[in-house]
């Protein structure tokens, strides 16, 4: 997404439980941005099917690179996301390792 001056839009992400803040640019997945920030998020497939990276979106909005990632409707409604295929649409607070249960 470009800003009004034609630049690339960037969002701030707070990654919990570490409490580390980093920037994610448009077109960049949350896992890609976390890796660039020096974090080591759980990951495997990077296409939304293995669920290794499952996390809880505590605030903000994401969109997905794939039509429907490997989440059930209930998981989606509970705020679970797959950061490997999620792109920020606002500033975010994400709690990694917050799968179902």
PDB file of N, CA and C in Angstrom:
ATOM      1  N   UNK A   1       0.851  -1.167   0.000  1.00  0.00           N
ATOM      2  CA  UNK A   1       0.000   0.000   0.000  1.00  0.00           C
ATOM      3  C   UNK A   1       0.894   1.226   0.000  1.00  0.00           C
ATOM      4  N   UNK A   2       0.596   2.189  -0.826  1.00  0.00           N
ATOM      5  CA  UNK A   2       1.381   3.420  -0.886  1.00  0.00           C
ATOM      6  C   UNK A   2       0.714   4.497  -0.049  1.00  0.00           C
ATOM      7  N   UNK A   3       1.533   5.373   0.517  1.00  0.00           N
ATOM      8  CA  UNK A   3       0.955   6.489   1.255  1.00  0.00           C
ATOM      9  C   UNK A   3       0.612   7.603   0.271  1.00  0.00           C
ATOM     10  N   UNK A   4       0.112   8.730   0.756  1.00  0.00           N
ATOM     11  CA  UNK A   4      -0.344   9.809  -0.119  1.00  0.00           C
ATOM     12  C   UNK A   4       0.796  10.435  -0.914  1.00  0.00           C
ATOM     13  N   UNK A   5       2.042  10.192  -0.503  1.00  0.00           N
ATOM     14  CA  UNK A   5       3.190  10.733  -1.219  1.00  0.00           C
ATOM     15  C   UNK A   5       3.794   9.709  -2.174  1.00  0.00           C
ATOM     16  N   UNK A   6       3.156   8.538  -2.298  1.00  0.00           N
ATOM     17  CA  UNK A   6       3.625   7.518  -3.215  1.00  0.00           C
ATOM     18  C   UNK A   6       4.654   6.575  -2.608  1.00  0.00           C
ATOM     19  N   UNK A   7       4.917   6.693  -1.312  1.00  0.00           N
ATOM     20  CA  UNK A   7       5.880   5.814  -0.648  1.00  0.00           C
ATOM     21  C   UNK A   7       5.221   4.531  -0.191  1.00  0.00           C
ATOM     22  N   UNK A   8       6.024   3.616   0.293  1.00  0.00           N
ATOM     23  CA  UNK A   8       5.516   2.352   0.793  1.00  0.00           C
ATOM     24  C   UNK A   8       5.013   2.527   2.213  1.00  0.00           C
ATOM     25  N   UNK A   9       3.878   1.957   2.513  1.00  0.00           N
ATOM     26  CA  UNK A   9       3.278   2.046   3.840  1.00  0.00           C
ATOM     27  C   UNK A   9       3.933   1.025   4.766  1.00  0.00           C
ATOM     28  N   UNK A  10       4.209   1.420   5.982  1.00  0.00           N
ATOM     29  CA  UNK A  10       4.772   0.521   6.982  1.00  0.00           C
ATOM     30  C   UNK A  10       3.940   0.613   8.252  1.00  0.00           C
ATOM     31  N   UNK A  11       3.871  -0.508   8.958  1.00  0.00           N
ATOM     32  CA  UNK A  11       3.110  -0.598  10.192  1.00  0.00           C
ATOM     33  C   UNK A  11       4.031  -1.046  11.315  1.00  0.00           C
ATOM     34  N   UNK A  12       3.662  -0.703  12.550  1.00  0.00           N
ATOM     35  CA  UNK A  12       4.408  -1.127  13.727  1.00  0.00           C
ATOM     36  C   UNK A  12       3.780  -2.399  14.299  1.00  0.00           C
ATOM     37  N   UNK A  13       4.633  -3.369  14.624  1.00  0.00           N
ATOM     38  CA  UNK A  13       4.188  -4.617  15.212  1.00  0.00           C
ATOM     39  C   UNK A  13       4.838  -4.758  16.579  1.00  0.00           C
ATOM     40  N   UNK A  14       4.051  -5.089  17.580  1.00  0.00           N
ATOM     41  CA  UNK A  14       4.588  -5.468  18.881  1.00  0.00           C
ATOM     42  C   UNK A  14       4.434  -6.973  18.979  1.00  0.00           C
ATOM     43  N   UNK A  15       5.575  -7.670  19.133  1.00  0.00           N
ATOM     44  CA  UNK A  15       5.622  -9.132  19.130  1.00  0.00           C
ATOM     45  C   UNK A  15       5.767  -9.616  20.561  1.00  0.00           C
ATOM     46  N   UNK A  16       4.750 -10.299  21.046  1.00  0.00           N
ATOM     47  CA  UNK A  16       4.746 -10.805  22.413  1.00  0.00           C
ATOM     48  C   UNK A  16       5.016 -12.304  22.395  1.00  0.00           C
ATOM     49  N   UNK A  17       5.575 -12.901  23.401  1.00  0.00           N
ATOM     50  CA  UNK A  17       5.788 -12.338  24.729  1.00  0.00           C
ATOM     51  C   UNK A  17       7.069 -11.515  24.866  1.00  0.00           C
ATOM     52  N   UNK A  18       7.899 -11.463  23.820  1.00  0.00           N
ATOM     53  CA  UNK A  18       9.168 -10.743  23.919  1.00  0.00           C
ATOM     54  C   UNK A  18       8.992  -9.240  24.120  1.00  0.00           C
ATOM     55  N   UNK A  19       7.889  -8.697  23.616  1.00  0.00           N
ATOM     56  CA  UNK A  19       7.655  -7.264  23.722  1.00  0.00           C
ATOM     57  C   UNK A  19       8.498  -6.455  22.757  1.00  0.00           C
ATOM     58  N   UNK A  20       8.992  -7.089  21.712  1.00  0.00           N
ATOM     59  CA  UNK A  20       9.836  -6.415  20.723  1.00  0.00           C
ATOM     60  C   UNK A  20       8.956  -5.748  19.684  1.00  0.00           C
ATOM     61  N   UNK A  21       9.315  -4.497  19.352  1.00  0.00           N
ATOM     62  CA  UNK A  21       8.594  -3.750  18.318  1.00  0.00           C
ATOM     63  C   UNK A  21       9.431  -3.713  17.063  1.00  0.00           C
ATOM     64  N   UNK A  22       8.777  -3.865  15.926  1.00  0.00           N
ATOM     65  CA  UNK A  22       9.458  -3.774  14.640  1.00  0.00           C
ATOM     66  C   UNK A  22       8.481  -3.276  13.586  1.00  0.00           C
ATOM     67  N   UNK A  23       9.008  -2.954  12.441  1.00  0.00           N
ATOM     68  CA  UNK A  23       8.217  -2.427  11.336  1.00  0.00           C
ATOM     69  C   UNK A  23       7.994  -3.522  10.301  1.00  0.00           C
ATOM     70  N   UNK A  24       6.796  -3.567   9.764  1.00  0.00           N
ATOM     71  CA  UNK A  24       6.475  -4.471   8.660  1.00  0.00           C
ATOM     72  C   UNK A  24       5.976  -3.604   7.508  1.00  0.00           C
ATOM     73  N   UNK A  25       6.559  -3.813   6.342  1.00  0.00           N
ATOM     74  CA  UNK A  25       6.176  -3.047   5.166  1.00  0.00           C
ATOM     75  C   UNK A  25       5.057  -3.713   4.394  1.00  0.00           C
ATOM     76  N   UNK A  26       4.427  -2.977   3.524  1.00  0.00           N
ATOM     77  CA  UNK A  26       3.370  -3.550   2.694  1.00  0.00           C
ATOM     78  C   UNK A  26       3.976  -4.657   1.837  1.00  0.00           C
ATOM     79  N   UNK A  27       3.239  -5.750   1.698  1.00  0.00           N
ATOM     80  CA  UNK A  27       3.708  -6.880   0.917  1.00  0.00           C
ATOM     81  C   UNK A  27       4.644  -7.811   1.668  1.00  0.00           C
ATOM     82  N   UNK A  28       4.969  -7.494   2.917  1.00  0.00           N
ATOM     83  CA  UNK A  28       5.867  -8.318   3.725  1.00  0.00           C
ATOM     84  C   UNK A  28       5.035  -9.103   4.734  1.00  0.00           C
ATOM     85  N   UNK A  29       5.291 -10.413   4.859  1.00  0.00           N
ATOM     86  CA  UNK A  29       4.553 -11.191   5.855  1.00  0.00           C
ATOM     87  C   UNK A  29       5.084 -10.860   7.241  1.00  0.00           C
ATOM     88  N   UNK A  30       4.283 -11.175   8.244  1.00  0.00           N
ATOM     89  CA  UNK A  30       4.714 -10.929   9.619  1.00  0.00           C
ATOM     90  C   UNK A  30       5.931 -11.767   9.975  1.00  0.00           C
ATOM     91  N   UNK A  31       6.009 -12.998   9.478  1.00  0.00           N
ATOM     92  CA  UNK A  31       7.187 -13.832   9.737  1.00  0.00           C
ATOM     93  C   UNK A  31       8.416 -13.217   9.083  1.00  0.00           C
ATOM     94  N   UNK A  32       8.310 -12.753   7.853  1.00  0.00           N
ATOM     95  CA  UNK A  32       9.454 -12.130   7.181  1.00  0.00           C
ATOM     96  C   UNK A  32       9.949 -10.919   7.959  1.00  0.00           C
ATOM     97  N   UNK A  33       9.030 -10.093   8.439  1.00  0.00           N
ATOM     98  CA  UNK A  33       9.407  -8.900   9.195  1.00  0.00           C
ATOM     99  C   UNK A  33      10.021  -9.270  10.541  1.00  0.00           C
ATOM    100  N   UNK A  34       9.458 -10.286  11.206  1.00  0.00           N
ATOM    101  CA  UNK A  34      10.010 -10.728  12.494  1.00  0.00           C
ATOM    102  C   UNK A  34      11.432 -11.253  12.321  1.00  0.00           C
ATOM    103  N   UNK A  35      11.667 -12.021  11.278  1.00  0.00           N
ATOM    104  CA  UNK A  35      13.017 -12.518  11.004  1.00  0.00           C
ATOM    105  C   UNK A  35      13.979 -11.370  10.744  1.00  0.00           C
ATOM    106  N   UNK A  36      13.542 -10.386   9.974  1.00  0.00           N
ATOM    107  CA  UNK A  36      14.387  -9.219   9.682  1.00  0.00           C
ATOM    108  C   UNK A  36      14.699  -8.425  10.945  1.00  0.00           C
ATOM    109  N   UNK A  37      13.803  -8.508  11.944  1.00  0.00           N
ATOM    110  CA  UNK A  37      13.999  -7.795  13.211  1.00  0.00           C
ATOM    111  C   UNK A  37      14.861  -8.595  14.190  1.00  0.00           C
ATOM    112  N   UNK A  38      15.308  -9.783  13.780  1.00  0.00           N
ATOM    113  CA  UNK A  38      16.167 -10.584  14.636  1.00  0.00           C
ATOM    114  C   UNK A  38      15.453 -11.596  15.504  1.00  0.00           C
ATOM    115  N   UNK A  39      14.151 -11.736  15.335  1.00  0.00           N
ATOM    116  CA  UNK A  39      13.391 -12.746  16.082  1.00  0.00           C
ATOM    117  C   UNK A  39      13.482 -14.086  15.356  1.00  0.00           C
ATOM    118  N   UNK A  40      13.147 -15.132  16.047  1.00  0.00           N
ATOM    119  CA  UNK A  40      13.123 -16.472  15.460  1.00  0.00           C
ATOM    120  C   UNK A  40      11.741 -17.088  15.653  1.00  0.00           C
ATOM    121  N   UNK A  41      10.738 -16.572  14.931  1.00  0.00           N
ATOM    122  CA  UNK A  41       9.389 -17.113  15.116  1.00  0.00           C
ATOM    123  C   UNK A  41       9.305 -18.561  14.652  1.00  0.00           C
ATOM    124  N   UNK A  42       8.465 -19.336  15.307  1.00  0.00           N
ATOM    125  CA  UNK A  42       8.215 -20.706  14.860  1.00  0.00           C
ATOM    126  C   UNK A  42       7.663 -20.643  13.449  1.00  0.00           C
ATOM    127  N   UNK A  43       8.181 -21.488  12.582  1.00  0.00           N
ATOM    128  CA  UNK A  43       7.740 -21.479  11.191  1.00  0.00           C
ATOM    129  C   UNK A  43       8.179 -22.767  10.518  1.00  0.00           C
ATOM    130  N   UNK A  44       7.521 -23.076   9.408  1.00  0.00           N
ATOM    131  CA  UNK A  44       7.903 -24.259   8.655  1.00  0.00           C
ATOM    132  C   UNK A  44       7.531 -24.083   7.184  1.00  0.00           C
ATOM    133  N   UNK A  45       6.250 -24.158   6.854  1.00  0.00           N
ATOM    134  CA  UNK A  45       5.842 -24.196   5.444  1.00  0.00           C
ATOM    135  C   UNK A  45       5.878 -22.846   4.741  1.00  0.00           C
ATOM    136  N   UNK A  46       5.574 -21.779   5.451  1.00  0.00           N
ATOM    137  CA  UNK A  46       5.464 -20.428   4.908  1.00  0.00           C
ATOM    138  C   UNK A  46       4.360 -20.275   3.859  1.00  0.00           C
ATOM    139  N   UNK A  47       3.386 -21.183   3.851  1.00  0.00           N
ATOM    140  CA  UNK A  47       2.266 -21.040   2.917  1.00  0.00           C
ATOM    141  C   UNK A  47       0.906 -21.214   3.586  1.00  0.00           C
ATOM    142  N   UNK A  48       0.874 -21.208   4.927  1.00  0.00           N
ATOM    143  CA  UNK A  48      -0.388 -21.223   5.648  1.00  0.00           C
ATOM    144  C   UNK A  48      -1.022 -22.576   5.854  1.00  0.00           C
ATOM    145  N   UNK A  49      -0.261 -23.661   5.675  1.00  0.00           N
ATOM    146  CA  UNK A  49      -0.877 -24.974   5.827  1.00  0.00           C
ATOM    147  C   UNK A  49      -0.403 -25.752   7.050  1.00  0.00           C
ATOM    148  N   UNK A  50       0.831 -25.585   7.500  1.00  0.00           N
ATOM    149  CA  UNK A  50       1.347 -26.432   8.578  1.00  0.00           C
ATOM    150  C   UNK A  50       0.926 -25.958   9.974  1.00  0.00           C
ATOM    151  N   UNK A  51       0.610 -24.683  10.124  1.00  0.00           N
ATOM    152  CA  UNK A  51       0.126 -24.095  11.375  1.00  0.00           C
ATOM    153  C   UNK A  51       1.208 -23.937  12.444  1.00  0.00           C
ATOM    154  N   UNK A  52       2.457 -24.157  12.101  1.00  0.00           N
ATOM    155  CA  UNK A  52       3.542 -24.029  13.068  1.00  0.00           C
ATOM    156  C   UNK A  52       3.615 -22.627  13.648  1.00  0.00           C
ATOM    157  N   UNK A  53       3.327 -21.624  12.859  1.00  0.00           N
ATOM    158  CA  UNK A  53       3.482 -20.227  13.282  1.00  0.00           C
ATOM    159  C   UNK A  53       2.247 -19.634  13.960  1.00  0.00           C
ATOM    160  N   UNK A  54       1.212 -20.422  14.181  1.00  0.00           N
ATOM    161  CA  UNK A  54      -0.058 -19.892  14.691  1.00  0.00           C
ATOM    162  C   UNK A  54       0.165 -18.936  15.873  1.00  0.00           C
ATOM    163  N   UNK A  55      -0.546 -17.840  15.854  1.00  0.00           N
ATOM    164  CA  UNK A  55      -0.406 -16.794  16.866  1.00  0.00           C
ATOM    165  C   UNK A  55      -1.763 -16.149  17.088  1.00  0.00           C
ATOM    166  N   UNK A  56      -1.840 -15.326  18.130  1.00  0.00           N
ATOM    167  CA  UNK A  56      -3.078 -14.625  18.433  1.00  0.00           C
ATOM    168  C   UNK A  56      -2.902 -13.145  18.104  1.00  0.00           C
ATOM    169  N   UNK A  57      -3.805 -12.612  17.309  1.00  0.00           N
ATOM    170  CA  UNK A  57      -3.820 -11.189  16.995  1.00  0.00           C
ATOM    171  C   UNK A  57      -4.566 -10.484  18.117  1.00  0.00           C
ATOM    172  N   UNK A  58      -3.838  -9.760  18.959  1.00  0.00           N
ATOM    173  CA  UNK A  58      -4.454  -9.088  20.100  1.00  0.00           C
ATOM    174  C   UNK A  58      -5.056  -7.751  19.707  1.00  0.00           C
ATOM    175  N   UNK A  59      -4.462  -7.100  18.705  1.00  0.00           N
ATOM    176  CA  UNK A  59      -5.074  -5.879  18.174  1.00  0.00           C
ATOM    177  C   UNK A  59      -4.549  -5.629  16.778  1.00  0.00           C
ATOM    178  N   UNK A  60      -5.385  -4.966  15.990  1.00  0.00           N
ATOM    179  CA  UNK A  60      -5.025  -4.631  14.624  1.00  0.00           C
ATOM    180  C   UNK A  60      -5.727  -5.509  13.614  1.00  0.00           C
ATOM    181  N   UNK A  61      -5.356  -5.313  12.354  1.00  0.00           N
ATOM    182  CA  UNK A  61      -5.979  -6.046  11.260  1.00  0.00           C
ATOM    183  C   UNK A  61      -4.905  -6.566  10.319  1.00  0.00           C
ATOM    184  N   UNK A  62      -5.141  -7.787   9.810  1.00  0.00           N
ATOM    185  CA  UNK A  62      -4.262  -8.386   8.817  1.00  0.00           C
ATOM    186  C   UNK A  62      -5.090  -8.812   7.617  1.00  0.00           C
ATOM    187  N   UNK A  63      -4.405  -9.047   6.526  1.00  0.00           N
ATOM    188  CA  UNK A  63      -5.009  -9.708   5.375  1.00  0.00           C
ATOM    189  C   UNK A  63      -4.082 -10.857   5.019  1.00  0.00           C
ATOM    190  N   UNK A  64      -4.587 -11.797   4.247  1.00  0.00           N
ATOM    191  CA  UNK A  64      -3.819 -12.987   3.930  1.00  0.00           C
ATOM    192  C   UNK A  64      -3.403 -13.024   2.473  1.00  0.00           C
ATOM    193  N   UNK A  65      -2.245 -13.614   2.239  1.00  0.00           N
ATOM    194  CA  UNK A  65      -1.729 -13.809   0.890  1.00  0.00           C
ATOM    195  C   UNK A  65      -2.463 -14.936   0.169  1.00  0.00           C
ATOM    196  N   UNK A  66      -3.126 -15.788   0.905  1.00  0.00           N
ATOM    197  CA  UNK A  66      -3.855 -16.922   0.342  1.00  0.00           C
ATOM    198  C   UNK A  66      -5.339 -16.740   0.631  1.00  0.00           C
ATOM    199  N   UNK A  67      -6.179 -17.381  -0.175  1.00  0.00           N
ATOM    200  CA  UNK A  67      -7.626 -17.183  -0.048  1.00  0.00           C
ATOM    201  C   UNK A  67      -8.147 -17.548   1.334  1.00  0.00           C
ATOM    202  N   UNK A  68      -7.753 -18.690   1.882  1.00  0.00           N
ATOM    203  CA  UNK A  68      -8.173 -19.056   3.234  1.00  0.00           C
ATOM    204  C   UNK A  68      -7.064 -19.900   3.831  1.00  0.00           C
ATOM    205  N   UNK A  69      -6.318 -19.317   4.772  1.00  0.00           N
ATOM    206  CA  UNK A  69      -5.220 -20.079   5.380  1.00  0.00           C
ATOM    207  C   UNK A  69      -5.751 -21.220   6.238  1.00  0.00           C
ATOM    208  N   UNK A  70      -4.873 -22.059   6.726  1.00  0.00           N
ATOM    209  CA  UNK A  70      -5.238 -23.266   7.476  1.00  0.00           C
ATOM    210  C   UNK A  70      -5.799 -23.010   8.857  1.00  0.00           C
ATOM    211  N   UNK A  71      -6.830 -22.202   8.946  1.00  0.00           N
ATOM    212  CA  UNK A  71      -7.517 -21.933  10.207  1.00  0.00           C
ATOM    213  C   UNK A  71      -8.982 -22.307  10.060  1.00  0.00           C
ATOM    214  N   UNK A  72      -9.563 -22.839  11.122  1.00  0.00           N
ATOM    215  CA  UNK A  72     -11.004 -23.084  11.103  1.00  0.00           C
ATOM    216  C   UNK A  72     -11.721 -21.740  11.273  1.00  0.00           C
ATOM    217  N   UNK A  73     -12.997 -21.730  10.990  1.00  0.00           N
ATOM    218  CA  UNK A  73     -13.800 -20.522  11.179  1.00  0.00           C
ATOM    219  C   UNK A  73     -13.759 -20.101  12.649  1.00  0.00           C
ATOM    220  N   UNK A  74     -13.866 -21.074  13.556  1.00  0.00           N
ATOM    221  CA  UNK A  74     -13.821 -20.763  14.992  1.00  0.00           C
ATOM    222  C   UNK A  74     -12.485 -20.151  15.388  1.00  0.00           C
ATOM    223  N   UNK A  75     -11.383 -20.712  14.894  1.00  0.00           N
ATOM    224  CA  UNK A  75     -10.059 -20.162  15.208  1.00  0.00           C
ATOM    225  C   UNK A  75      -9.927 -18.735  14.683  1.00  0.00           C
ATOM    226  N   UNK A  76     -10.385 -18.522  13.475  1.00  0.00           N
ATOM    227  CA  UNK A  76     -10.358 -17.177  12.894  1.00  0.00           C
ATOM    228  C   UNK A  76     -11.160 -16.216  13.762  1.00  0.00           C
ATOM    229  N   UNK A  77     -12.351 -16.637  14.157  1.00  0.00           N
ATOM    230  CA  UNK A  77     -13.213 -15.795  14.986  1.00  0.00           C
ATOM    231  C   UNK A  77     -12.614 -15.524  16.370  1.00  0.00           C
ATOM    232  N   UNK A  78     -11.760 -16.436  16.857  1.00  0.00           N
ATOM    233  CA  UNK A  78     -11.092 -16.266  18.149  1.00  0.00           C
ATOM    234  C   UNK A  78      -9.852 -15.373  18.064  1.00  0.00           C
ATOM    235  N   UNK A  79      -9.512 -14.926  16.854  1.00  0.00           N
ATOM    236  CA  UNK A  79      -8.373 -14.030  16.697  1.00  0.00           C
ATOM    237  C   UNK A  79      -7.060 -14.704  16.393  1.00  0.00           C
ATOM    238  N   UNK A  80      -7.096 -15.988  16.039  1.00  0.00           N
ATOM    239  CA  UNK A  80      -5.861 -16.669  15.670  1.00  0.00           C
ATOM    240  C   UNK A  80      -5.491 -16.304  14.241  1.00  0.00           C
ATOM    241  N   UNK A  81      -4.185 -16.198  14.002  1.00  0.00           N
ATOM    242  CA  UNK A  81      -3.677 -15.863  12.670  1.00  0.00           C
ATOM    243  C   UNK A  81      -2.503 -16.770  12.339  1.00  0.00           C
ATOM    244  N   UNK A  82      -2.140 -16.800  11.073  1.00  0.00           N
ATOM    245  CA  UNK A  82      -0.948 -17.496  10.606  1.00  0.00           C
ATOM    246  C   UNK A  82       0.009 -16.436  10.052  1.00  0.00           C
ATOM    247  N   UNK A  83       0.988 -16.015  10.853  1.00  0.00           N
ATOM    248  CA  UNK A  83       1.893 -14.931  10.455  1.00  0.00           C
ATOM    249  C   UNK A  83       2.690 -15.185   9.184  1.00  0.00           C
ATOM    250  N   UNK A  84       2.857 -16.442   8.784  1.00  0.00           N
ATOM    251  CA  UNK A  84       3.640 -16.716   7.576  1.00  0.00           C
ATOM    252  C   UNK A  84       2.960 -16.199   6.317  1.00  0.00           C
ATOM    253  N   UNK A  85       1.638 -16.061   6.358  1.00  0.00           N
ATOM    254  CA  UNK A  85       0.895 -15.572   5.193  1.00  0.00           C
ATOM    255  C   UNK A  85       0.056 -14.338   5.515  1.00  0.00           C
ATOM    256  N   UNK A  86       0.269 -13.761   6.703  1.00  0.00           N
ATOM    257  CA  UNK A  86      -0.483 -12.572   7.120  1.00  0.00           C
ATOM    258  C   UNK A  86       0.335 -11.317   6.842  1.00  0.00           C
ATOM    259  N   UNK A  87      -0.328 -10.315   6.295  1.00  0.00           N
ATOM    260  CA  UNK A  87       0.272  -8.998   6.051  1.00  0.00           C
ATOM    261  C   UNK A  87      -0.503  -7.964   6.853  1.00  0.00           C
ATOM    262  N   UNK A  88       0.217  -7.046   7.459  1.00  0.00           N
ATOM    263  CA  UNK A  88      -0.411  -6.021   8.296  1.00  0.00           C
ATOM    264  C   UNK A  88      -1.248  -5.072   7.464  1.00  0.00           C
ATOM    265  N   UNK A  89      -2.367  -4.672   8.043  1.00  0.00           N
ATOM    266  CA  UNK A  89      -3.219  -3.634   7.470  1.00  0.00           C
ATOM    267  C   UNK A  89      -3.387  -2.483   8.452  1.00  0.00           C
ATOM    268  N   UNK A  90      -2.680  -2.580   9.589  1.00  0.00           N
ATOM    269  CA  UNK A  90      -2.695  -1.564  10.635  1.00  0.00           C
ATOM    270  C   UNK A  90      -1.545  -1.895  11.575  1.00  0.00           C
ATOM    271  N   UNK A  91      -1.326  -1.068  12.583  1.00  0.00           N
ATOM    272  CA  UNK A  91      -0.399  -1.439  13.641  1.00  0.00           C
ATOM    273  C   UNK A  91      -0.967  -2.667  14.342  1.00  0.00           C
ATOM    274  N   UNK A  92      -0.083  -3.551  14.820  1.00  0.00           N
ATOM    275  CA  UNK A  92      -0.515  -4.830  15.371  1.00  0.00           C
ATOM    276  C   UNK A  92       0.123  -5.128  16.714  1.00  0.00           C
ATOM    277  N   UNK A  93      -0.586  -5.928  17.493  1.00  0.00           N
ATOM    278  CA  UNK A  93      -0.011  -6.601  18.662  1.00  0.00           C
ATOM    279  C   UNK A  93      -0.289  -8.075  18.426  1.00  0.00           C
ATOM    280  N   UNK A  94       0.787  -8.879  18.365  1.00  0.00           N
ATOM    281  CA  UNK A  94       0.695 -10.297  18.066  1.00  0.00           C
ATOM    282  C   UNK A  94       1.325 -11.082  19.201  1.00  0.00           C
ATOM    283  N   UNK A  95       0.621 -12.088  19.685  1.00  0.00           N
ATOM    284  CA  UNK A  95       1.168 -12.986  20.713  1.00  0.00           C
ATOM    285  C   UNK A  95       1.504 -14.310  20.050  1.00  0.00           C
ATOM    286  N   UNK A  96       2.809 -14.539  19.850  1.00  0.00           N
ATOM    287  CA  UNK A  96       3.278 -15.762  19.211  1.00  0.00           C
ATOM    288  C   UNK A  96       3.077 -16.951  20.132  1.00  0.00           C
ATOM    289  N   UNK A  97       2.940 -18.127  19.537  1.00  0.00           N
ATOM    290  CA  UNK A  97       2.781 -19.342  20.330  1.00  0.00           C
ATOM    291  C   UNK A  97       1.476 -19.415  21.076  1.00  0.00           C
ATOM    292  N   UNK A  98       0.450 -18.744  20.565  1.00  0.00           N
ATOM    293  CA  UNK A  98      -0.849 -18.711  21.237  1.00  0.00           C
ATOM    294  C   UNK A  98      -1.886 -19.491  20.461  1.00  0.00           C
ATOM    295  N   UNK A  99      -1.546 -20.723  20.182  1.00  0.00           N
ATOM    296  CA  UNK A  99      -2.469 -21.570  19.448  1.00  0.00           C
ATOM    297  C   UNK A  99      -3.702 -21.917  20.251  1.00  0.00           C
ATOM    298  N   UNK A 100      -4.575 -22.720  19.668  1.00  0.00           N
ATOM    299  CA  UNK A 100      -5.804 -23.093  20.356  1.00  0.00           C
ATOM    300  C   UNK A 100      -5.508 -23.833  21.666  1.00  0.00           C
ATOM    301  N   UNK A 101      -6.418 -23.645  22.603  1.00  0.00           N
ATOM    302  CA  UNK A 101      -6.291 -24.400  23.833  1.00  0.00           C
ATOM    303  C   UNK A 101      -5.830 -23.642  25.005  1.00  0.00           C
TER     304      UNK A 101
END
